[in-house]
């Protein structure tokens, strides 16, 4: 198995776990209605509860597992695309971390 590919996904897992830990720690005391989408043009578009943050992270986890599976299939034939998908997954986890931190900062 490709060690570099697992290392890239390991970095993505670490970022995802940090996002999950951040959500757990910072949404524990929050209750009621929370802002889940804010836009400079329209203002507050969507509201929800703290479990919507967990739904966002669950969706990213599903996408990460799917990308890992695709990456393993692509590694046999086209290694460049396997690494591209892996780095895209890490980038997606970073964007999720930034987005979750921003949304929680709006609610605190």
N, C-alpha and C. Protein backbone atom coordinates (compact mmCIF):
# COMPACT_ATOMS: atom_id res chain seq x y z
N UNK A 1 0.83 -1.19 0.00
CA UNK A 1 0.00 0.00 0.00
C UNK A 1 0.87 1.25 0.00
N UNK A 2 0.40 2.32 -0.58
CA UNK A 2 1.19 3.55 -0.68
C UNK A 2 1.28 4.30 0.66
N UNK A 3 2.49 4.41 1.17
CA UNK A 3 2.68 5.06 2.47
C UNK A 3 2.46 6.56 2.39
N UNK A 4 2.89 7.17 1.28
CA UNK A 4 2.70 8.62 1.14
C UNK A 4 1.24 8.99 1.07
N UNK A 5 0.47 8.18 0.41
CA UNK A 5 -0.97 8.45 0.30
C UNK A 5 -1.64 8.33 1.66
N UNK A 6 -1.25 7.34 2.44
CA UNK A 6 -1.80 7.21 3.79
C UNK A 6 -1.36 8.37 4.68
N UNK A 7 -0.16 8.87 4.46
CA UNK A 7 0.31 10.02 5.25
C UNK A 7 -0.50 11.27 4.91
N UNK A 8 -0.84 11.45 3.65
CA UNK A 8 -1.65 12.60 3.26
C UNK A 8 -3.04 12.50 3.89
N UNK A 9 -3.64 11.33 3.82
CA UNK A 9 -4.95 11.15 4.44
C UNK A 9 -4.86 11.22 5.97
N UNK A 10 -3.73 10.83 6.52
CA UNK A 10 -3.53 10.98 7.96
C UNK A 10 -3.55 12.45 8.37
N UNK A 11 -2.96 13.31 7.55
CA UNK A 11 -3.02 14.75 7.82
C UNK A 11 -4.46 15.25 7.75
N UNK A 12 -5.21 14.73 6.79
CA UNK A 12 -6.63 15.10 6.70
C UNK A 12 -7.43 14.64 7.90
N UNK A 13 -7.11 13.46 8.40
CA UNK A 13 -7.81 12.93 9.58
C UNK A 13 -7.49 13.78 10.81
N UNK A 14 -6.24 14.21 10.94
CA UNK A 14 -5.86 15.06 12.07
C UNK A 14 -6.62 16.39 12.01
N UNK A 15 -6.71 16.98 10.84
CA UNK A 15 -7.45 18.23 10.68
C UNK A 15 -8.93 18.02 10.98
N UNK A 16 -9.49 16.90 10.51
CA UNK A 16 -10.89 16.61 10.79
C UNK A 16 -11.14 16.42 12.28
N UNK A 17 -10.25 15.70 12.96
CA UNK A 17 -10.41 15.50 14.40
C UNK A 17 -10.29 16.80 15.17
N UNK A 18 -9.41 17.69 14.71
CA UNK A 18 -9.32 19.01 15.33
C UNK A 18 -10.62 19.79 15.13
N UNK A 19 -11.21 19.69 13.94
CA UNK A 19 -12.50 20.35 13.68
C UNK A 19 -13.58 19.80 14.60
N UNK A 20 -13.61 18.48 14.74
CA UNK A 20 -14.61 17.85 15.60
C UNK A 20 -14.42 18.26 17.06
N UNK A 21 -13.18 18.27 17.51
CA UNK A 21 -12.89 18.69 18.88
C UNK A 21 -13.27 20.15 19.09
N UNK A 22 -13.01 20.99 18.12
CA UNK A 22 -13.36 22.40 18.21
C UNK A 22 -14.88 22.58 18.32
N UNK A 23 -15.62 21.83 17.52
CA UNK A 23 -17.08 21.92 17.57
C UNK A 23 -17.60 21.42 18.91
N UNK A 24 -17.08 20.30 19.40
CA UNK A 24 -17.55 19.75 20.67
C UNK A 24 -17.28 20.71 21.82
N UNK A 25 -16.09 21.28 21.86
CA UNK A 25 -15.73 22.17 22.97
C UNK A 25 -16.51 23.48 22.92
N UNK A 26 -16.65 24.07 21.74
CA UNK A 26 -17.23 25.40 21.65
C UNK A 26 -18.74 25.43 21.50
N UNK A 27 -19.38 24.31 21.20
CA UNK A 27 -20.85 24.32 21.10
C UNK A 27 -21.51 23.69 22.32
N UNK A 28 -20.72 23.27 23.28
CA UNK A 28 -21.30 22.62 24.45
C UNK A 28 -22.23 23.55 25.21
N UNK A 29 -21.84 24.80 25.38
CA UNK A 29 -22.65 25.73 26.15
C UNK A 29 -23.70 26.47 25.33
N UNK A 30 -23.64 26.30 24.02
CA UNK A 30 -24.60 27.02 23.17
C UNK A 30 -25.91 26.25 23.08
N UNK A 31 -26.99 26.95 23.15
CA UNK A 31 -28.29 26.31 23.04
C UNK A 31 -29.24 27.18 22.22
N UNK A 32 -30.34 26.62 21.87
CA UNK A 32 -31.33 27.38 21.12
C UNK A 32 -30.98 27.48 19.65
N UNK A 33 -31.35 28.59 19.07
CA UNK A 33 -31.16 28.81 17.64
C UNK A 33 -29.78 29.41 17.39
N UNK A 34 -29.07 28.82 16.44
CA UNK A 34 -27.73 29.27 16.08
C UNK A 34 -27.68 29.65 14.61
N UNK A 35 -26.77 30.54 14.27
CA UNK A 35 -26.56 30.93 12.88
C UNK A 35 -25.75 29.84 12.20
N UNK A 36 -26.28 29.31 11.10
CA UNK A 36 -25.54 28.29 10.36
C UNK A 36 -25.09 28.77 8.99
N UNK A 37 -25.55 29.94 8.55
CA UNK A 37 -25.07 30.52 7.29
C UNK A 37 -25.19 32.02 7.38
N UNK A 38 -24.10 32.71 7.05
CA UNK A 38 -24.09 34.16 7.05
C UNK A 38 -23.46 34.63 5.75
N UNK A 39 -24.09 35.62 5.14
CA UNK A 39 -23.63 36.17 3.88
C UNK A 39 -23.59 37.69 4.01
N UNK A 40 -22.57 38.33 3.48
CA UNK A 40 -22.48 39.78 3.58
C UNK A 40 -23.61 40.48 2.81
N UNK A 41 -24.04 39.88 1.74
CA UNK A 41 -25.09 40.48 0.92
C UNK A 41 -26.47 40.33 1.56
N UNK A 42 -26.79 39.12 2.01
CA UNK A 42 -28.13 38.84 2.54
C UNK A 42 -28.20 38.79 4.06
N UNK A 43 -27.08 38.74 4.72
CA UNK A 43 -27.10 38.61 6.18
C UNK A 43 -27.28 37.16 6.60
N UNK A 44 -28.08 36.94 7.61
CA UNK A 44 -28.33 35.60 8.13
C UNK A 44 -29.36 34.91 7.24
N UNK A 45 -28.95 33.82 6.60
CA UNK A 45 -29.85 33.08 5.71
C UNK A 45 -30.46 31.87 6.40
N UNK A 46 -29.63 31.09 7.08
CA UNK A 46 -30.09 29.85 7.67
C UNK A 46 -29.79 29.84 9.17
N UNK A 47 -30.73 29.30 9.91
CA UNK A 47 -30.53 29.12 11.34
C UNK A 47 -30.78 27.65 11.67
N UNK A 48 -30.20 27.20 12.76
CA UNK A 48 -30.37 25.81 13.17
C UNK A 48 -29.91 25.64 14.60
N UNK A 49 -29.66 24.41 14.97
CA UNK A 49 -29.18 24.15 16.33
C UNK A 49 -27.73 23.64 16.26
N UNK A 50 -27.19 23.26 17.40
CA UNK A 50 -25.78 22.87 17.43
C UNK A 50 -25.52 21.55 16.72
N UNK A 51 -26.54 20.75 16.53
CA UNK A 51 -26.35 19.47 15.84
C UNK A 51 -26.17 19.66 14.33
N UNK A 52 -26.51 20.84 13.82
CA UNK A 52 -26.24 21.12 12.41
C UNK A 52 -24.74 21.19 12.14
N UNK A 53 -23.96 21.60 13.12
CA UNK A 53 -22.50 21.58 12.96
C UNK A 53 -22.00 20.15 12.85
N UNK A 54 -22.61 19.24 13.60
CA UNK A 54 -22.23 17.83 13.50
C UNK A 54 -22.65 17.24 12.15
N UNK A 55 -23.76 17.71 11.62
CA UNK A 55 -24.19 17.26 10.29
C UNK A 55 -23.19 17.69 9.22
N UNK A 56 -22.66 18.90 9.35
CA UNK A 56 -21.65 19.38 8.41
C UNK A 56 -20.42 18.48 8.47
N UNK A 57 -19.98 18.17 9.68
CA UNK A 57 -18.79 17.33 9.84
C UNK A 57 -19.04 15.90 9.37
N UNK A 58 -20.25 15.39 9.58
CA UNK A 58 -20.57 14.05 9.10
C UNK A 58 -20.53 14.00 7.57
N UNK A 59 -21.02 15.05 6.93
CA UNK A 59 -20.96 15.12 5.47
C UNK A 59 -19.53 15.15 4.96
N UNK A 60 -18.68 15.90 5.63
CA UNK A 60 -17.27 15.96 5.24
C UNK A 60 -16.59 14.61 5.47
N UNK A 61 -16.96 13.93 6.55
CA UNK A 61 -16.40 12.60 6.81
C UNK A 61 -16.79 11.62 5.70
N UNK A 62 -18.05 11.68 5.27
CA UNK A 62 -18.50 10.81 4.18
C UNK A 62 -17.73 11.11 2.89
N UNK A 63 -17.58 12.39 2.58
CA UNK A 63 -16.84 12.77 1.37
C UNK A 63 -15.38 12.32 1.47
N UNK A 64 -14.78 12.43 2.65
CA UNK A 64 -13.39 12.01 2.83
C UNK A 64 -13.23 10.51 2.63
N UNK A 65 -14.15 9.71 3.17
CA UNK A 65 -14.08 8.26 2.97
C UNK A 65 -14.28 7.89 1.51
N UNK A 66 -15.20 8.59 0.85
CA UNK A 66 -15.43 8.33 -0.57
C UNK A 66 -14.19 8.68 -1.38
N UNK A 67 -13.58 9.81 -1.08
CA UNK A 67 -12.35 10.21 -1.79
C UNK A 67 -11.21 9.24 -1.51
N UNK A 68 -11.13 8.71 -0.30
CA UNK A 68 -10.11 7.72 0.01
C UNK A 68 -10.31 6.47 -0.83
N UNK A 69 -11.54 6.04 -0.95
CA UNK A 69 -11.84 4.85 -1.76
C UNK A 69 -11.49 5.10 -3.23
N UNK A 70 -11.86 6.26 -3.75
CA UNK A 70 -11.54 6.61 -5.14
C UNK A 70 -10.02 6.67 -5.32
N UNK A 71 -9.34 7.21 -4.34
CA UNK A 71 -7.90 7.34 -4.41
C UNK A 71 -7.22 5.97 -4.47
N UNK A 72 -7.72 5.04 -3.69
CA UNK A 72 -7.13 3.70 -3.71
C UNK A 72 -7.35 3.03 -5.07
N UNK A 73 -8.52 3.26 -5.66
CA UNK A 73 -8.77 2.69 -6.98
C UNK A 73 -7.91 3.36 -8.05
N UNK A 74 -7.71 4.65 -7.94
CA UNK A 74 -6.91 5.37 -8.93
C UNK A 74 -5.42 5.11 -8.79
N UNK A 75 -4.98 4.74 -7.61
CA UNK A 75 -3.55 4.54 -7.37
C UNK A 75 -2.98 3.43 -8.25
N UNK A 76 -3.80 2.46 -8.56
CA UNK A 76 -3.34 1.33 -9.38
C UNK A 76 -3.02 1.78 -10.80
N UNK A 77 -3.84 2.69 -11.34
CA UNK A 77 -3.68 3.10 -12.73
C UNK A 77 -3.01 4.46 -12.88
N UNK A 78 -3.57 5.48 -12.25
CA UNK A 78 -3.11 6.85 -12.44
C UNK A 78 -2.76 7.44 -11.08
N UNK A 79 -1.50 7.38 -10.73
CA UNK A 79 -1.09 7.81 -9.39
C UNK A 79 -1.24 9.31 -9.20
N UNK A 80 -1.04 10.09 -10.24
CA UNK A 80 -1.16 11.54 -10.11
C UNK A 80 -2.55 11.92 -9.62
N UNK A 81 -3.58 11.34 -10.20
CA UNK A 81 -4.95 11.67 -9.80
C UNK A 81 -5.26 11.17 -8.39
N UNK A 82 -4.64 10.06 -8.00
CA UNK A 82 -4.83 9.57 -6.63
C UNK A 82 -4.28 10.57 -5.63
N UNK A 83 -3.10 11.10 -5.91
CA UNK A 83 -2.54 12.12 -5.02
C UNK A 83 -3.32 13.42 -5.10
N UNK A 84 -3.81 13.75 -6.27
CA UNK A 84 -4.63 14.96 -6.43
C UNK A 84 -5.90 14.87 -5.59
N UNK A 85 -6.57 13.74 -5.62
CA UNK A 85 -7.78 13.54 -4.81
C UNK A 85 -7.45 13.59 -3.32
N UNK A 86 -6.32 13.02 -2.95
CA UNK A 86 -5.91 13.03 -1.54
C UNK A 86 -5.65 14.45 -1.06
N UNK A 87 -4.91 15.23 -1.83
CA UNK A 87 -4.64 16.62 -1.43
C UNK A 87 -5.90 17.47 -1.47
N UNK A 88 -6.80 17.17 -2.40
CA UNK A 88 -8.09 17.88 -2.42
C UNK A 88 -8.88 17.60 -1.15
N UNK A 89 -8.81 16.39 -0.66
CA UNK A 89 -9.51 16.04 0.58
C UNK A 89 -8.92 16.79 1.77
N UNK A 90 -7.61 16.92 1.82
CA UNK A 90 -6.98 17.69 2.88
C UNK A 90 -7.40 19.16 2.78
N UNK A 91 -7.41 19.70 1.57
CA UNK A 91 -7.85 21.08 1.35
C UNK A 91 -9.30 21.27 1.77
N UNK A 92 -10.15 20.30 1.48
CA UNK A 92 -11.55 20.36 1.88
C UNK A 92 -11.69 20.34 3.41
N UNK A 93 -10.87 19.54 4.08
CA UNK A 93 -10.89 19.52 5.54
C UNK A 93 -10.42 20.84 6.13
N UNK A 94 -9.44 21.48 5.51
CA UNK A 94 -8.98 22.78 5.97
C UNK A 94 -10.07 23.82 5.80
N UNK A 95 -10.74 23.81 4.65
CA UNK A 95 -11.84 24.76 4.43
C UNK A 95 -12.99 24.52 5.41
N UNK A 96 -13.25 23.27 5.72
CA UNK A 96 -14.29 22.96 6.70
C UNK A 96 -13.92 23.48 8.08
N UNK A 97 -12.66 23.31 8.45
CA UNK A 97 -12.19 23.83 9.74
C UNK A 97 -12.36 25.35 9.80
N UNK A 98 -11.97 26.03 8.75
CA UNK A 98 -12.11 27.49 8.71
C UNK A 98 -13.58 27.89 8.78
N UNK A 99 -14.43 27.21 8.03
CA UNK A 99 -15.86 27.52 8.02
C UNK A 99 -16.52 27.28 9.36
N UNK A 100 -16.19 26.17 9.99
CA UNK A 100 -16.78 25.84 11.27
C UNK A 100 -16.32 26.84 12.34
N UNK A 101 -15.04 27.20 12.30
CA UNK A 101 -14.53 28.18 13.25
C UNK A 101 -15.21 29.53 13.05
N UNK A 102 -15.46 29.90 11.81
CA UNK A 102 -16.14 31.17 11.53
C UNK A 102 -17.58 31.15 12.02
N UNK A 103 -18.29 30.08 11.73
CA UNK A 103 -19.68 30.01 12.16
C UNK A 103 -19.82 29.97 13.68
N UNK A 104 -18.92 29.29 14.34
CA UNK A 104 -18.98 29.27 15.81
C UNK A 104 -18.63 30.64 16.38
N UNK A 105 -17.69 31.34 15.73
CA UNK A 105 -17.36 32.69 16.23
C UNK A 105 -18.53 33.65 16.05
N UNK A 106 -19.39 33.42 15.08
CA UNK A 106 -20.59 34.24 14.92
C UNK A 106 -21.59 34.00 16.05
N UNK A 107 -21.59 32.80 16.58
CA UNK A 107 -22.59 32.43 17.60
C UNK A 107 -22.13 32.63 19.03
N UNK A 108 -20.88 32.87 19.25
CA UNK A 108 -20.38 33.02 20.62
C UNK A 108 -20.48 34.45 21.07
